[in-house]
Amino acid sequence: MASSRHPVSGRAVALVQKQRLQTFAFSVRWSDGSDTFVRRSWDEFRRLQKTLKDTFPVEAGLLRRSDRILPKFPGQAGKGHAGQAFPCRSSGKPRCTAATPLR
């Protein structure tokens, strides 16, 4: 039988740089009150965004832009809205050596 546990909230915790791999860390609160720490790469988020758009075309705004509820996804790792870099990136080179809190 499937569990009724589901995510209730999540928040960005850190941007982690290990050699050339950049991962984003999140704290996830579950319906049963437990907390989980999750790390995912930029490519994993990109694949998730594509799957969501393919699965939910109306919510992705593919039929009408006004129906869009899925957030837009920036096109390049380490870039925020309007091309702003994350705090630990400068001149296109990663500068994080350990977990750096996101703002």
N, C-alpha and C. Protein backbone atom coordinates (compact mmCIF):
# COMPACT_ATOMS: atom_id res chain seq x y z
N MET A 1 0.85 -1.19 0.00
CA MET A 1 0.00 0.00 0.00
C MET A 1 0.89 1.24 0.00
N ALA A 2 0.50 2.22 -0.75
CA ALA A 2 1.28 3.46 -0.87
C ALA A 2 1.17 4.28 0.41
N SER A 3 2.26 4.92 0.76
CA SER A 3 2.30 5.77 1.94
C SER A 3 1.56 7.07 1.68
N SER A 4 0.92 7.61 2.71
CA SER A 4 0.22 8.89 2.54
C SER A 4 1.14 10.06 2.86
N ARG A 5 2.41 9.80 3.16
CA ARG A 5 3.37 10.85 3.45
C ARG A 5 3.65 11.66 2.19
N HIS A 6 3.67 12.98 2.33
CA HIS A 6 3.95 13.85 1.19
C HIS A 6 4.70 15.09 1.68
N PRO A 7 5.44 15.75 0.76
CA PRO A 7 6.16 16.97 1.16
C PRO A 7 5.20 18.10 1.47
N VAL A 8 5.49 18.82 2.53
CA VAL A 8 4.65 19.95 2.95
C VAL A 8 5.33 21.26 2.59
N SER A 9 6.65 21.33 2.79
CA SER A 9 7.39 22.54 2.47
C SER A 9 8.84 22.19 2.20
N GLY A 10 9.52 23.12 1.58
CA GLY A 10 10.94 22.94 1.30
C GLY A 10 11.61 24.30 1.24
N ARG A 11 12.91 24.31 1.55
CA ARG A 11 13.64 25.57 1.46
C ARG A 11 15.07 25.28 1.03
N ALA A 12 15.61 26.19 0.26
CA ALA A 12 17.00 26.07 -0.18
C ALA A 12 17.90 26.29 1.02
N VAL A 13 18.90 25.42 1.16
CA VAL A 13 19.81 25.49 2.29
C VAL A 13 21.21 25.89 1.86
N ALA A 14 21.71 25.29 0.76
CA ALA A 14 23.09 25.55 0.38
C ALA A 14 23.33 25.22 -1.09
N LEU A 15 24.39 25.79 -1.60
CA LEU A 15 24.93 25.45 -2.91
C LEU A 15 26.27 24.79 -2.61
N VAL A 16 26.43 23.53 -3.02
CA VAL A 16 27.62 22.76 -2.67
C VAL A 16 28.45 22.51 -3.93
N GLN A 17 29.74 22.85 -3.85
CA GLN A 17 30.66 22.67 -4.98
C GLN A 17 31.68 21.62 -4.58
N LYS A 18 31.73 20.51 -5.31
CA LYS A 18 32.75 19.49 -5.11
C LYS A 18 33.40 19.26 -6.46
N GLN A 19 34.64 19.67 -6.58
CA GLN A 19 35.38 19.65 -7.83
C GLN A 19 34.56 20.36 -8.90
N ARG A 20 34.11 19.68 -9.93
CA ARG A 20 33.35 20.35 -11.00
C ARG A 20 31.85 20.17 -10.87
N LEU A 21 31.40 19.38 -9.88
CA LEU A 21 29.97 19.12 -9.71
C LEU A 21 29.37 20.12 -8.72
N GLN A 22 28.32 20.77 -9.14
CA GLN A 22 27.61 21.74 -8.32
C GLN A 22 26.25 21.14 -7.98
N THR A 23 25.94 21.05 -6.70
CA THR A 23 24.63 20.55 -6.29
C THR A 23 23.94 21.57 -5.39
N PHE A 24 22.64 21.51 -5.39
CA PHE A 24 21.82 22.41 -4.60
C PHE A 24 21.18 21.61 -3.48
N ALA A 25 21.30 22.08 -2.26
CA ALA A 25 20.80 21.37 -1.09
C ALA A 25 19.52 22.02 -0.58
N PHE A 26 18.56 21.18 -0.22
CA PHE A 26 17.26 21.64 0.26
C PHE A 26 16.87 20.88 1.52
N SER A 27 16.17 21.54 2.39
CA SER A 27 15.56 20.91 3.55
C SER A 27 14.08 20.73 3.21
N VAL A 28 13.58 19.50 3.35
CA VAL A 28 12.19 19.20 3.01
C VAL A 28 11.46 18.74 4.27
N ARG A 29 10.34 19.38 4.56
CA ARG A 29 9.47 18.98 5.69
C ARG A 29 8.35 18.11 5.13
N TRP A 30 8.12 16.95 5.76
CA TRP A 30 7.11 15.99 5.31
C TRP A 30 5.85 16.07 6.17
N SER A 31 4.76 15.53 5.66
CA SER A 31 3.46 15.58 6.34
C SER A 31 3.48 14.87 7.69
N ASP A 32 4.40 13.93 7.90
CA ASP A 32 4.49 13.24 9.19
C ASP A 32 5.36 14.01 10.19
N GLY A 33 5.83 15.21 9.82
CA GLY A 33 6.63 16.05 10.70
C GLY A 33 8.13 15.84 10.60
N SER A 34 8.57 14.86 9.83
CA SER A 34 10.00 14.61 9.69
C SER A 34 10.63 15.58 8.69
N ASP A 35 11.94 15.76 8.80
CA ASP A 35 12.70 16.61 7.89
C ASP A 35 13.72 15.76 7.16
N THR A 36 13.96 16.09 5.90
CA THR A 36 14.94 15.37 5.08
C THR A 36 15.82 16.40 4.38
N PHE A 37 17.08 16.08 4.25
CA PHE A 37 18.04 16.91 3.52
C PHE A 37 18.22 16.29 2.14
N VAL A 38 17.99 17.06 1.07
CA VAL A 38 18.04 16.56 -0.30
C VAL A 38 19.02 17.38 -1.11
N ARG A 39 19.88 16.71 -1.90
CA ARG A 39 20.79 17.40 -2.82
C ARG A 39 20.52 16.93 -4.23
N ARG A 40 20.48 17.90 -5.17
CA ARG A 40 20.25 17.58 -6.57
C ARG A 40 21.15 18.45 -7.44
N SER A 41 21.53 17.91 -8.59
CA SER A 41 22.37 18.67 -9.53
C SER A 41 21.48 19.54 -10.42
N TRP A 42 22.12 20.47 -11.11
CA TRP A 42 21.42 21.36 -12.04
C TRP A 42 20.73 20.54 -13.13
N ASP A 43 21.43 19.52 -13.66
CA ASP A 43 20.84 18.69 -14.72
C ASP A 43 19.61 17.94 -14.23
N GLU A 44 19.61 17.51 -12.98
CA GLU A 44 18.43 16.84 -12.43
C GLU A 44 17.24 17.79 -12.37
N PHE A 45 17.48 19.04 -12.00
CA PHE A 45 16.39 20.03 -12.00
C PHE A 45 15.90 20.31 -13.42
N ARG A 46 16.82 20.38 -14.36
CA ARG A 46 16.44 20.62 -15.75
C ARG A 46 15.57 19.48 -16.29
N ARG A 47 15.94 18.24 -15.98
CA ARG A 47 15.14 17.09 -16.41
C ARG A 47 13.75 17.11 -15.76
N LEU A 48 13.70 17.47 -14.47
CA LEU A 48 12.41 17.57 -13.78
C LEU A 48 11.53 18.62 -14.44
N GLN A 49 12.10 19.78 -14.76
CA GLN A 49 11.33 20.84 -15.41
C GLN A 49 10.76 20.37 -16.75
N LYS A 50 11.55 19.65 -17.54
CA LYS A 50 11.08 19.14 -18.83
C LYS A 50 9.96 18.14 -18.63
N THR A 51 10.11 17.25 -17.66
CA THR A 51 9.07 16.25 -17.37
C THR A 51 7.78 16.94 -16.94
N LEU A 52 7.88 17.95 -16.07
CA LEU A 52 6.70 18.67 -15.63
C LEU A 52 6.00 19.37 -16.80
N LYS A 53 6.79 20.00 -17.67
CA LYS A 53 6.20 20.68 -18.83
C LYS A 53 5.51 19.70 -19.77
N ASP A 54 6.12 18.53 -19.98
CA ASP A 54 5.52 17.52 -20.85
C ASP A 54 4.26 16.91 -20.24
N THR A 55 4.27 16.73 -18.92
CA THR A 55 3.15 16.11 -18.22
C THR A 55 1.99 17.08 -18.01
N PHE A 56 2.31 18.34 -17.78
CA PHE A 56 1.29 19.35 -17.47
C PHE A 56 1.40 20.54 -18.43
N PRO A 57 1.01 20.37 -19.69
CA PRO A 57 1.18 21.45 -20.67
C PRO A 57 0.37 22.71 -20.36
N VAL A 58 -0.82 22.54 -19.78
CA VAL A 58 -1.63 23.72 -19.44
C VAL A 58 -0.94 24.53 -18.36
N GLU A 59 -0.51 23.85 -17.29
CA GLU A 59 0.16 24.51 -16.19
C GLU A 59 1.51 25.10 -16.59
N ALA A 60 2.09 24.56 -17.65
CA ALA A 60 3.36 25.08 -18.17
C ALA A 60 3.15 26.29 -19.06
N GLY A 61 1.89 26.60 -19.36
CA GLY A 61 1.58 27.76 -20.19
C GLY A 61 1.83 27.52 -21.66
N LEU A 62 1.88 26.25 -22.09
CA LEU A 62 2.14 25.94 -23.49
C LEU A 62 0.94 26.25 -24.38
N LEU A 63 -0.27 26.25 -23.80
CA LEU A 63 -1.46 26.58 -24.58
C LEU A 63 -1.78 28.07 -24.49
N ARG A 64 -1.76 28.60 -23.27
CA ARG A 64 -1.98 30.03 -23.03
C ARG A 64 -1.02 30.48 -21.95
N ARG A 65 -0.27 31.52 -22.19
CA ARG A 65 0.70 32.01 -21.20
C ARG A 65 0.04 32.38 -19.88
N SER A 66 -1.17 32.86 -19.94
CA SER A 66 -1.87 33.28 -18.72
C SER A 66 -2.18 32.10 -17.79
N ASP A 67 -2.17 30.87 -18.32
CA ASP A 67 -2.44 29.68 -17.50
C ASP A 67 -1.20 29.14 -16.79
N ARG A 68 -0.04 29.70 -17.09
CA ARG A 68 1.21 29.17 -16.55
C ARG A 68 1.29 29.33 -15.03
N ILE A 69 1.52 28.19 -14.35
CA ILE A 69 1.77 28.23 -12.91
C ILE A 69 3.11 27.59 -12.58
N LEU A 70 3.68 26.83 -13.52
CA LEU A 70 5.02 26.29 -13.32
C LEU A 70 6.02 27.44 -13.48
N PRO A 71 6.96 27.57 -12.55
CA PRO A 71 7.92 28.66 -12.68
C PRO A 71 8.84 28.48 -13.87
N LYS A 72 9.29 29.59 -14.43
CA LYS A 72 10.26 29.52 -15.52
C LYS A 72 11.59 29.05 -14.96
N PHE A 73 12.33 28.36 -15.79
CA PHE A 73 13.60 27.79 -15.37
C PHE A 73 14.72 28.51 -16.08
N PRO A 74 15.68 29.10 -15.33
CA PRO A 74 16.80 29.77 -16.00
C PRO A 74 17.57 28.77 -16.85
N GLY A 75 18.18 29.24 -17.92
CA GLY A 75 18.80 28.35 -18.88
C GLY A 75 20.19 27.88 -18.57
N GLN A 76 20.86 28.42 -17.56
CA GLN A 76 22.25 28.06 -17.33
C GLN A 76 22.50 27.85 -15.84
N ALA A 77 23.29 26.84 -15.50
CA ALA A 77 23.59 26.55 -14.11
C ALA A 77 24.25 27.76 -13.44
N GLY A 78 23.85 27.99 -12.18
CA GLY A 78 24.46 29.08 -11.43
C GLY A 78 23.89 30.44 -11.74
N LYS A 79 22.87 30.53 -12.56
CA LYS A 79 22.29 31.83 -12.90
C LYS A 79 20.91 31.95 -12.29
N GLY A 80 20.63 33.09 -11.70
CA GLY A 80 19.33 33.37 -11.14
C GLY A 80 18.49 34.13 -12.16
N HIS A 81 17.47 34.80 -11.69
CA HIS A 81 16.62 35.58 -12.58
C HIS A 81 17.41 36.73 -13.19
N ALA A 82 17.12 37.05 -14.39
CA ALA A 82 17.75 38.16 -15.13
C ALA A 82 19.26 37.98 -15.23
N GLY A 83 19.71 36.73 -15.21
CA GLY A 83 21.13 36.46 -15.41
C GLY A 83 22.01 36.75 -14.22
N GLN A 84 21.41 37.00 -13.05
CA GLN A 84 22.22 37.27 -11.87
C GLN A 84 22.86 35.98 -11.38
N ALA A 85 24.13 36.03 -11.08
CA ALA A 85 24.83 34.84 -10.59
C ALA A 85 24.51 34.60 -9.13
N PHE A 86 24.59 33.33 -8.71
CA PHE A 86 24.45 33.01 -7.30
C PHE A 86 25.62 33.64 -6.54
N PRO A 87 25.48 33.86 -5.25
CA PRO A 87 26.49 34.57 -4.47
C PRO A 87 27.90 33.97 -4.55
N CYS A 88 28.03 32.66 -4.75
CA CYS A 88 29.36 32.07 -4.70
C CYS A 88 29.99 31.94 -6.09
N ARG A 89 29.41 32.56 -7.09
CA ARG A 89 29.98 32.48 -8.43
C ARG A 89 30.45 33.86 -8.86
N SER A 90 31.58 33.90 -9.52
CA SER A 90 32.11 35.16 -10.01
C SER A 90 32.87 34.88 -11.29
N SER A 91 32.67 35.67 -12.29
CA SER A 91 33.35 35.53 -13.56
C SER A 91 33.16 34.14 -14.18
N GLY A 92 32.02 33.51 -13.89
CA GLY A 92 31.71 32.21 -14.47
C GLY A 92 32.44 31.04 -13.84
N LYS A 93 33.31 31.30 -12.85
CA LYS A 93 34.05 30.21 -12.21
C LYS A 93 33.45 29.94 -10.83
N PRO A 94 33.22 28.66 -10.49
CA PRO A 94 32.71 28.35 -9.16
C PRO A 94 33.72 28.75 -8.09
N ARG A 95 33.22 29.30 -6.99
CA ARG A 95 34.11 29.72 -5.91
C ARG A 95 33.78 29.02 -4.61
N CYS A 96 32.76 28.15 -4.61
CA CYS A 96 32.38 27.46 -3.38
C CYS A 96 33.31 26.28 -3.14
N THR A 97 33.75 26.13 -1.93
CA THR A 97 34.55 24.95 -1.58
C THR A 97 33.79 24.11 -0.57
N ALA A 98 32.80 24.67 0.06
CA ALA A 98 31.97 23.93 1.01
C ALA A 98 30.54 24.44 0.86
N ALA A 99 29.67 24.03 1.74
CA ALA A 99 28.28 24.47 1.66
C ALA A 99 28.22 25.97 1.86
N THR A 100 27.58 26.67 0.94
CA THR A 100 27.39 28.11 1.02
C THR A 100 25.91 28.38 1.07
N PRO A 101 25.40 29.01 2.16
CA PRO A 101 23.96 29.26 2.25
C PRO A 101 23.46 30.12 1.10
N LEU A 102 22.28 29.76 0.57
CA LEU A 102 21.64 30.57 -0.46
C LEU A 102 20.84 31.66 0.23
N ARG A 103 20.66 32.78 -0.45
CA ARG A 103 19.88 33.88 0.14
C ARG A 103 18.54 33.95 -0.51
